[in-house]
Amino acid sequence: MKPHADWLLRELPRLVETGVLDEAAAGRLRAHYAAAAAQAGWGRVLFPVLGALLVGLGVILLVAHNWDGYTRTQRLVAAFLPLLAGQFACLWTLLKASGSVAWRESTALFTGLAFAAALALVGQIFHFPGDLDRYLLACGLVALPLVYLLDASLLAVLCAAAFAGWSFAYPRADPSVFAVLALFALLAPQLWRMQRRDAAGLRTALLTAALVPLFFAAVYAALPAISRLGLWWLAELGGLRVMIEALRPGAAPLWRRPLAIYGALGTALAALIGSFPDVWRNWHWATEPTALPQAWLLLGAGLAVLAVLAWRAWRARQRLAAMQALPAFAMAVVAPLESQPLAVALALLFTAYVLVLGLALVRDGMARRDSGAATRGLFLIALLVLLRFIDSDWSFTARGVAFVLVGAAFIAASLWLRRRV
């Protein structure tokens, strides 16, 4: 975005307060410049990065075509040449100290991938026995300094993917939950720096959108293979994301707020899963709950933070956001218990919660004249009804008629909302 556009967007709140512009005009200006920035931003970053990846893949294919005919020395040169080129490009970028965002992102990503390829090729050339978990961990840790030296968000995503892959590939039972937390904590300063610099920027949104699911997956792999702990983790992390987004000042477009999207999806998905009685009947403890100190410590600490944030959201009149912390607290209460006798009651509880949440979304959307929020509430209610039909013992004919009726009701409600909002 150009400097004059940045200045104008910063001035909009003051112009609205002084009456120079009304809120509608300010909103149109924000939308216009956000769209322009999105088009220009993606073009400046995406195409150079894509070009660097295509060049790298082309070089790999050319080398692989004649790989069997190379001597060991030639293979080593082919393995290390891209890495050396990437290092020289990084050094030049650091010395120049004014490289474009696209150049820094492309250089860092190319160098990180070149190191991963060189490490794999050296192992293949000398027939070193290698473990996938150690390989992924080495790639992530070695590439990490470039993230901060070149301010490279795409490489940070690659490091996070390597850490998540390490968590899943860990061969000795489950990796330590604290080890996963420590690895992702190494990426937290980059995310914090991006949030401070440009919270609504494209690179910030991309980094947040990638780190959150990768962090969830890595911790999920590190937890003991007990379904109720995984569901508790999903509900808890979803609630935390909702609270963080609700307490953050500003109103960026929804597609630039991945925390809000992931949070709403996490809490809704956890509650919908909990609305099935068989979920609570079939779950059992593979080991004693007291033998899981790391899992209990992590989930308990997250629950304490969630309680504080939910209280702050409630005090700030963010009632709808605070409401989305309830599934995590319900999962925490049920987690140490034998859930089979409570299966039907728990399913009814979560069914009622999803219904109330959907109605609250519709009411909030109508009050704020936000058709998107109201439609999301209707969709959640329709999904709950459809899941209840799928879970029933009705015939296919009865289910088909029910689906048609629910679909027609959803279309009619959407048209009604369009007229009202």
Protein backbone atom coordinates (compact mmCIF):
# COMPACT_ATOMS: atom_id res chain seq x y z
CA MET A 1 0.00 0.00 0.00
CA LYS A 2 1.25 3.49 -0.86
CA PRO A 3 2.27 5.92 1.92
CA HIS A 4 -0.62 8.32 1.27
CA ALA A 5 -3.10 5.44 1.65
CA ASP A 6 -1.50 4.43 4.96
CA TRP A 7 -1.80 8.03 6.17
CA LEU A 8 -5.44 8.25 5.12
CA LEU A 9 -6.39 5.02 6.89
CA ARG A 10 -4.71 6.25 10.08
CA GLU A 11 -6.65 9.50 9.85
CA LEU A 12 -10.08 7.92 9.33
CA PRO A 13 -10.98 7.52 13.06
CA ARG A 14 -10.21 11.21 13.72
CA LEU A 15 -12.18 12.28 10.65
CA VAL A 16 -15.19 10.28 11.84
CA GLU A 17 -14.95 11.75 15.34
CA THR A 18 -14.83 15.31 14.04
CA GLY A 19 -17.77 14.73 11.69
CA VAL A 20 -15.86 15.23 8.44
CA LEU A 21 -16.84 11.69 7.37
CA ASP A 22 -19.61 9.41 8.54
CA GLU A 23 -18.95 5.79 9.48
CA ALA A 24 -20.34 4.45 6.20
CA ALA A 25 -17.96 6.57 4.11
CA ALA A 26 -15.03 5.58 6.31
CA GLY A 27 -15.96 1.93 5.89
CA ARG A 28 -16.06 2.27 2.11
CA LEU A 29 -12.62 3.90 2.12
CA ARG A 30 -11.19 1.11 4.28
CA ALA A 31 -12.66 -1.55 1.99
CA HIS A 32 -11.35 0.19 -1.14
CA TYR A 33 -7.78 0.53 0.05
CA ALA A 34 -7.78 -2.92 1.66
CA ALA A 35 -8.78 -4.47 -1.67
CA ALA A 36 -6.13 -2.48 -3.53
CA ALA A 37 -3.50 -3.50 -1.00
CA ALA A 38 -4.54 -7.13 -1.25
CA GLN A 39 -4.21 -7.19 -5.03
CA ALA A 40 -0.86 -5.42 -5.03
CA GLY A 41 0.47 -7.28 -1.98
CA TRP A 42 -0.24 -10.73 -3.28
CA GLY A 43 1.24 -9.89 -6.66
CA ARG A 44 4.45 -8.47 -5.19
CA VAL A 45 5.06 -11.44 -2.92
CA LEU A 46 3.43 -14.43 -4.58
CA PHE A 47 4.91 -14.26 -8.07
CA PRO A 48 8.58 -13.87 -7.09
CA VAL A 49 8.24 -16.68 -4.54
CA LEU A 50 6.51 -18.88 -7.09
CA GLY A 51 9.25 -18.07 -9.58
CA ALA A 52 11.96 -19.04 -7.11
CA LEU A 53 10.20 -22.34 -6.40
CA LEU A 54 9.85 -23.13 -10.10
CA VAL A 55 13.51 -22.37 -10.71
CA GLY A 56 14.49 -24.64 -7.84
CA LEU A 57 12.25 -27.46 -9.05
CA GLY A 58 13.61 -27.11 -12.57
CA VAL A 59 17.18 -27.38 -11.33
CA ILE A 60 16.27 -30.48 -9.31
CA LEU A 61 14.68 -32.16 -12.33
CA LEU A 62 17.68 -31.38 -14.55
CA VAL A 63 20.08 -32.79 -11.97
CA ALA A 64 17.91 -35.84 -11.28
CA HIS A 65 17.80 -36.73 -14.98
CA ASN A 66 21.55 -37.44 -15.06
CA TRP A 67 22.02 -38.35 -11.39
CA ASP A 68 23.08 -41.97 -11.96
CA GLY A 69 25.85 -40.89 -14.33
CA TYR A 70 27.47 -38.46 -11.87
CA THR A 71 30.49 -39.30 -9.76
CA ARG A 72 30.32 -38.83 -5.99
CA THR A 73 32.15 -35.52 -6.26
CA GLN A 74 29.78 -34.27 -8.93
CA ARG A 75 26.82 -35.30 -6.81
CA LEU A 76 28.19 -33.38 -3.83
CA VAL A 77 28.71 -30.30 -5.99
CA ALA A 78 25.15 -30.60 -7.31
CA ALA A 79 23.85 -30.97 -3.75
CA PHE A 80 25.69 -27.98 -2.30
CA LEU A 81 25.66 -25.58 -5.25
CA PRO A 82 22.03 -24.38 -4.71
CA LEU A 83 22.74 -23.99 -1.01
CA LEU A 84 25.83 -21.86 -1.68
CA ALA A 85 23.89 -19.75 -4.16
CA GLY A 86 21.16 -19.22 -1.59
CA GLN A 87 23.67 -18.25 1.08
CA PHE A 88 25.32 -15.69 -1.19
CA ALA A 89 21.89 -14.27 -2.02
CA CYS A 90 21.07 -14.01 1.71
CA LEU A 91 24.40 -12.33 2.42
CA TRP A 92 23.86 -9.84 -0.38
CA THR A 93 20.37 -9.09 0.93
CA LEU A 94 21.69 -8.48 4.44
CA LEU A 95 24.49 -6.21 3.21
CA LYS A 96 22.14 -4.27 0.97
CA ALA A 97 19.68 -3.90 3.90
CA SER A 98 16.97 -2.57 1.59
CA GLY A 99 15.80 -5.62 -0.29
CA SER A 100 12.13 -5.84 -1.18
CA VAL A 101 9.78 -8.07 0.76
CA ALA A 102 9.40 -10.38 -2.22
CA TRP A 103 13.18 -10.73 -2.60
CA ARG A 104 13.72 -11.45 1.10
CA GLU A 105 10.91 -14.00 1.19
CA SER A 106 12.11 -15.72 -2.00
CA THR A 107 15.75 -15.80 -0.92
CA ALA A 108 15.01 -17.18 2.53
CA LEU A 109 12.60 -19.81 1.22
CA PHE A 110 14.99 -20.93 -1.53
CA THR A 111 17.89 -21.23 0.93
CA GLY A 112 15.83 -23.19 3.42
CA LEU A 113 14.67 -25.64 0.77
CA ALA A 114 18.21 -25.87 -0.61
CA PHE A 115 19.52 -26.91 2.81
CA ALA A 116 16.77 -29.53 3.15
CA ALA A 117 17.63 -30.92 -0.29
CA ALA A 118 21.39 -30.89 0.41
CA LEU A 119 20.93 -32.72 3.71
CA ALA A 120 18.80 -35.39 2.07
CA LEU A 121 21.19 -35.79 -0.86
CA VAL A 122 24.26 -36.12 1.36
CA GLY A 123 22.52 -38.88 3.28
CA GLN A 124 21.68 -40.62 0.02
CA ILE A 125 25.18 -40.24 -1.42
CA PHE A 126 26.96 -41.68 1.62
CA HIS A 127 24.10 -44.05 2.58
CA PHE A 128 23.76 -42.58 6.06
CA PRO A 129 20.94 -44.10 8.08
CA GLY A 130 18.48 -41.31 8.78
CA ASP A 131 15.31 -40.85 10.78
CA LEU A 132 12.53 -38.68 9.43
CA ASP A 133 11.95 -36.98 12.77
CA ARG A 134 15.60 -35.94 13.14
CA TYR A 135 15.74 -34.78 9.53
CA LEU A 136 12.66 -32.54 9.92
CA LEU A 137 13.90 -31.15 13.23
CA ALA A 138 17.32 -30.33 11.74
CA CYS A 139 15.75 -28.60 8.73
CA GLY A 140 13.50 -26.48 10.92
CA LEU A 141 16.19 -25.45 13.40
CA VAL A 142 18.82 -24.61 10.76
CA ALA A 143 16.36 -22.51 8.73
CA LEU A 144 15.13 -20.66 11.83
CA PRO A 145 17.88 -17.95 11.93
CA LEU A 146 17.00 -16.88 8.39
CA VAL A 147 13.45 -16.18 9.55
CA TYR A 148 14.72 -13.38 11.78
CA LEU A 149 17.68 -12.23 9.68
CA LEU A 150 15.52 -11.72 6.58
CA ASP A 151 12.14 -11.23 8.25
CA ALA A 152 10.79 -14.16 6.22
CA SER A 153 7.25 -15.22 7.09
CA LEU A 154 7.01 -17.95 4.46
CA LEU A 155 10.13 -19.63 5.80
CA ALA A 156 8.61 -19.39 9.29
CA VAL A 157 5.64 -21.35 7.97
CA LEU A 158 8.05 -23.94 6.55
CA CYS A 159 9.80 -24.23 9.94
CA ALA A 160 6.46 -24.68 11.69
CA ALA A 161 5.53 -27.41 9.21
CA ALA A 162 8.85 -29.15 9.92
CA PHE A 163 8.23 -28.98 13.68
CA ALA A 164 4.71 -30.36 13.26
CA GLY A 165 6.06 -33.15 11.05
CA TRP A 166 8.68 -33.94 13.69
CA SER A 167 5.92 -34.26 16.28
CA PHE A 168 4.03 -36.77 14.14
CA ALA A 169 7.15 -38.68 13.03
CA TYR A 170 8.62 -39.01 16.54
CA PRO A 171 9.26 -42.77 16.82
CA ARG A 172 9.44 -43.24 20.60
CA ALA A 173 5.86 -43.12 21.92
CA ASP A 174 4.77 -39.48 22.11
CA PRO A 175 7.13 -36.50 22.04
CA SER A 176 7.17 -34.25 25.04
CA VAL A 177 4.43 -31.64 25.01
CA PHE A 178 6.90 -29.16 26.45
CA ALA A 179 9.35 -29.88 23.62
CA VAL A 180 6.62 -28.99 21.09
CA LEU A 181 5.81 -25.82 23.00
CA ALA A 182 9.50 -24.87 23.09
CA LEU A 183 9.90 -25.35 19.33
CA PHE A 184 6.90 -23.21 18.46
CA ALA A 185 7.97 -20.63 21.04
CA LEU A 186 11.01 -20.07 18.81
CA LEU A 187 8.62 -18.75 16.14
CA ALA A 188 6.53 -16.62 18.51
CA PRO A 189 8.80 -13.53 18.29
CA GLN A 190 8.36 -13.42 14.51
CA LEU A 191 4.58 -13.58 14.85
CA TRP A 192 4.66 -10.91 17.57
CA ARG A 193 6.86 -8.67 15.42
CA MET A 194 4.51 -9.02 12.47
CA GLN A 195 1.47 -8.27 14.65
CA ARG A 196 3.10 -5.14 16.05
CA ARG A 197 4.20 -3.89 12.64
CA ASP A 198 1.10 -4.63 10.53
CA ALA A 199 -1.61 -6.57 12.32
CA ALA A 200 -3.97 -6.50 9.32
CA GLY A 201 -1.28 -7.15 6.68
CA LEU A 202 -1.31 -10.04 4.26
CA ARG A 203 1.92 -11.58 5.51
CA THR A 204 0.68 -11.38 9.09
CA ALA A 205 -2.60 -13.03 8.14
CA LEU A 206 -0.75 -15.74 6.21
CA LEU A 207 1.64 -16.44 9.07
CA THR A 208 -1.16 -16.60 11.63
CA ALA A 209 -3.32 -18.73 9.35
CA ALA A 210 -0.52 -21.28 8.97
CA LEU A 211 0.95 -21.31 12.48
CA VAL A 212 -2.32 -21.87 14.35
CA PRO A 213 -3.36 -25.19 12.71
CA LEU A 214 0.23 -26.42 12.65
CA PHE A 215 0.58 -25.69 16.37
CA PHE A 216 -2.72 -27.44 17.07
CA ALA A 217 -1.64 -30.49 15.06
CA ALA A 218 1.81 -30.68 16.70
CA VAL A 219 0.40 -30.53 20.24
CA TYR A 220 -2.33 -33.01 19.29
CA ALA A 221 0.33 -35.46 18.11
CA ALA A 222 2.23 -34.98 21.38
CA LEU A 223 -0.81 -35.67 23.56
CA PRO A 224 -1.47 -39.29 24.57
CA ALA A 225 -3.66 -41.15 22.08
CA ILE A 226 -6.84 -40.55 24.08
CA SER A 227 -9.74 -39.08 22.14
CA ARG A 228 -11.22 -37.01 24.94
CA LEU A 229 -7.95 -35.16 25.47
CA GLY A 230 -7.81 -34.30 21.77
CA LEU A 231 -11.38 -32.99 21.83
CA TRP A 232 -10.65 -30.97 24.97
CA TRP A 233 -7.57 -29.49 23.26
CA LEU A 234 -9.66 -28.56 20.19
CA ALA A 235 -12.32 -26.83 22.28
CA GLU A 236 -9.76 -25.08 24.48
CA LEU A 237 -7.57 -23.75 21.69
CA GLY A 238 -10.66 -22.66 19.76
CA GLY A 239 -11.93 -20.76 22.78
CA LEU A 240 -8.56 -19.09 23.32
CA ARG A 241 -8.45 -17.91 19.72
CA VAL A 242 -11.97 -16.49 19.98
CA MET A 243 -11.11 -14.61 23.19
CA ILE A 244 -7.87 -13.18 21.81
CA GLU A 245 -9.61 -11.93 18.69
CA ALA A 246 -12.57 -10.51 20.65
CA LEU A 247 -10.30 -8.51 22.97
CA ARG A 248 -8.15 -7.15 20.16
CA PRO A 249 -8.95 -3.57 19.08
CA GLY A 250 -9.80 -2.86 15.47
CA ALA A 251 -12.17 -4.36 12.94
CA ALA A 252 -10.30 -5.91 10.00
CA PRO A 253 -12.20 -7.96 7.38
CA LEU A 254 -12.97 -11.51 8.47
CA TRP A 255 -10.64 -13.07 5.90
CA ARG A 256 -7.77 -11.16 7.51
CA ARG A 257 -8.64 -12.47 10.98
CA PRO A 258 -7.73 -16.16 10.88
CA LEU A 259 -7.85 -16.36 14.67
CA ALA A 260 -11.57 -15.57 14.60
CA ILE A 261 -12.20 -18.13 11.85
CA TYR A 262 -10.18 -20.90 13.49
CA GLY A 263 -11.62 -20.15 16.91
CA ALA A 264 -15.23 -20.31 15.77
CA LEU A 265 -14.55 -23.48 13.78
CA GLY A 266 -12.77 -25.13 16.72
CA THR A 267 -15.47 -24.48 19.31
CA ALA A 268 -18.31 -25.33 16.92
CA LEU A 269 -16.62 -28.54 15.74
CA ALA A 270 -15.87 -29.67 19.30
CA ALA A 271 -19.47 -29.02 20.35
CA LEU A 272 -20.90 -30.80 17.29
CA ILE A 273 -18.73 -33.84 17.95
CA GLY A 274 -19.84 -33.81 21.57
CA SER A 275 -23.51 -33.81 20.49
CA PHE A 276 -23.25 -37.49 19.48
CA PRO A 277 -24.03 -39.93 22.36
CA ASP A 278 -21.82 -42.65 20.88
CA VAL A 279 -18.82 -40.37 21.29
CA TRP A 280 -19.22 -40.52 25.08
CA ARG A 281 -20.18 -44.22 25.14
CA ASN A 282 -17.18 -45.47 23.21
CA TRP A 283 -14.42 -43.41 24.78
CA HIS A 284 -12.39 -44.96 27.52
CA TRP A 285 -9.11 -44.37 29.25
CA ALA A 286 -6.22 -46.32 27.71
CA THR A 287 -4.22 -45.45 30.80
CA GLU A 288 -4.92 -43.94 34.19
CA PRO A 289 -5.53 -40.16 34.09
CA THR A 290 -2.94 -39.67 36.83
CA ALA A 291 -0.26 -41.05 34.47
CA LEU A 292 -0.57 -38.06 32.12
CA PRO A 293 1.08 -35.19 34.00
CA GLN A 294 2.27 -33.25 30.95
CA ALA A 295 -1.12 -33.37 29.25
CA TRP A 296 -2.96 -32.32 32.40
CA LEU A 297 -0.51 -29.50 33.04
CA LEU A 298 -0.81 -28.10 29.51
CA LEU A 299 -4.59 -28.37 29.33
CA GLY A 300 -5.03 -27.07 32.87
CA ALA A 301 -2.83 -24.04 32.23
CA GLY A 302 -4.69 -23.31 29.00
CA LEU A 303 -7.99 -23.59 30.83
CA ALA A 304 -6.85 -21.08 33.45
CA VAL A 305 -5.84 -18.58 30.73
CA LEU A 306 -9.15 -19.18 28.97
CA ALA A 307 -11.06 -18.44 32.19
CA VAL A 308 -9.27 -15.10 32.60
CA LEU A 309 -9.83 -14.09 28.98
CA ALA A 310 -13.48 -15.18 29.05
CA TRP A 311 -14.04 -13.04 32.17
CA ARG A 312 -12.41 -10.06 30.48
CA ALA A 313 -14.54 -10.61 27.36
CA TRP A 314 -17.67 -10.79 29.51
CA ARG A 315 -16.74 -7.57 31.31
CA ALA A 316 -16.10 -5.92 27.91
CA ARG A 317 -19.64 -6.92 26.86
CA GLN A 318 -18.32 -9.46 24.38
CA ARG A 319 -20.93 -11.95 25.58
CA LEU A 320 -21.06 -13.97 22.37
CA ALA A 321 -17.29 -14.49 22.47
CA ALA A 322 -17.30 -15.43 26.17
CA MET A 323 -20.02 -17.96 25.45
CA GLN A 324 -17.66 -19.88 23.17
CA ALA A 325 -15.44 -20.81 26.12
CA LEU A 326 -18.13 -23.12 27.52
CA PRO A 327 -17.26 -26.27 25.48
CA ALA A 328 -13.70 -26.29 26.85
CA PHE A 329 -14.94 -26.03 30.45
CA ALA A 330 -17.46 -28.82 29.84
CA MET A 331 -14.72 -31.02 28.35
CA ALA A 332 -12.51 -30.31 31.36
CA VAL A 333 -15.22 -31.36 33.82
CA VAL A 334 -15.99 -34.57 31.94
CA ALA A 335 -12.38 -35.49 31.10
CA PRO A 336 -11.51 -37.35 34.35
CA LEU A 337 -14.95 -39.03 34.64
CA GLU A 338 -16.38 -42.24 33.23
CA SER A 339 -18.66 -40.82 30.55
CA GLN A 340 -20.74 -43.85 29.52
CA PRO A 341 -23.57 -43.32 32.05
CA LEU A 342 -23.70 -39.63 31.10
CA ALA A 343 -23.62 -40.14 27.33
CA VAL A 344 -27.19 -39.06 26.53
CA ALA A 345 -27.14 -36.13 28.95
CA LEU A 346 -23.84 -34.86 27.57
CA ALA A 347 -25.08 -35.18 23.98
CA LEU A 348 -28.21 -33.20 24.84
CA LEU A 349 -26.12 -30.57 26.62
CA PHE A 350 -23.86 -29.98 23.61
CA THR A 351 -26.84 -30.07 21.23
CA ALA A 352 -28.53 -27.34 23.26
CA TYR A 353 -25.30 -25.34 23.31
CA VAL A 354 -24.92 -25.43 19.51
CA LEU A 355 -28.57 -24.42 19.08
CA VAL A 356 -28.24 -21.49 21.49
CA LEU A 357 -24.96 -20.43 19.87
CA GLY A 358 -26.54 -20.45 16.43
CA LEU A 359 -29.50 -18.38 17.61
CA ALA A 360 -27.14 -15.95 19.36
CA LEU A 361 -25.17 -15.52 16.13
CA VAL A 362 -28.36 -14.78 14.22
CA ARG A 363 -29.51 -12.27 16.84
CA ASP A 364 -26.09 -10.58 16.96
CA GLY A 365 -25.91 -10.38 13.19
CA MET A 366 -29.34 -8.78 12.96
CA ALA A 367 -28.51 -6.30 15.73
CA ARG A 368 -25.29 -5.23 13.98
CA ARG A 369 -26.86 -5.52 10.52
CA ASP A 370 -24.19 -8.08 9.63
CA SER A 371 -25.68 -10.61 7.24
CA GLY A 372 -22.53 -12.73 7.33
CA ALA A 373 -22.76 -13.38 11.08
CA ALA A 374 -26.49 -14.10 10.87
CA THR A 375 -25.95 -16.51 7.98
CA ARG A 376 -23.24 -18.32 9.92
CA GLY A 377 -25.68 -18.78 12.78
CA LEU A 378 -28.31 -20.20 10.43
CA PHE A 379 -25.75 -22.51 8.87
CA LEU A 380 -24.73 -23.82 12.30
CA ILE A 381 -28.35 -24.55 13.21
CA ALA A 382 -28.99 -26.25 9.85
CA LEU A 383 -25.83 -28.36 10.25
CA LEU A 384 -26.94 -29.43 13.73
CA VAL A 385 -30.36 -30.48 12.43
CA LEU A 386 -28.83 -32.42 9.54
CA LEU A 387 -26.44 -34.23 11.88
CA ARG A 388 -29.37 -35.21 14.09
CA PHE A 389 -31.14 -36.69 11.09
CA ILE A 390 -28.01 -38.60 10.05
CA ASP A 391 -27.63 -39.94 13.57
CA SER A 392 -31.26 -41.13 13.71
CA ASP A 393 -32.69 -44.52 12.72
CA TRP A 394 -35.05 -43.11 10.12
CA SER A 395 -35.38 -44.65 6.67
CA PHE A 396 -33.64 -43.17 3.65
CA THR A 397 -36.96 -41.82 2.38
CA ALA A 398 -37.70 -40.05 5.64
CA ARG A 399 -34.18 -38.65 5.78
CA GLY A 400 -34.44 -37.43 2.18
CA VAL A 401 -37.71 -35.62 2.89
CA ALA A 402 -36.18 -34.13 6.05
CA PHE A 403 -33.15 -32.90 4.12
CA VAL A 404 -35.37 -31.24 1.52
CA LEU A 405 -37.45 -29.53 4.20
CA VAL A 406 -34.38 -28.31 6.11
CA GLY A 407 -32.79 -27.05 2.90
CA ALA A 408 -35.94 -25.18 1.90
CA ALA A 409 -36.21 -23.67 5.36
CA PHE A 410 -32.57 -22.58 5.20
CA ILE A 411 -33.08 -20.89 1.81
CA ALA A 412 -36.20 -19.14 3.06
CA ALA A 413 -34.44 -17.94 6.21
CA SER A 414 -31.52 -16.65 4.13
CA LEU A 415 -33.89 -14.66 1.90
CA TRP A 416 -35.66 -13.28 4.96
CA LEU A 417 -32.35 -12.20 6.46
CA ARG A 418 -31.35 -10.53 3.22
CA ARG A 419 -34.46 -8.37 3.36
CA ARG A 420 -34.11 -7.60 7.07
CA VAL A 421 -30.36 -6.94 7.25
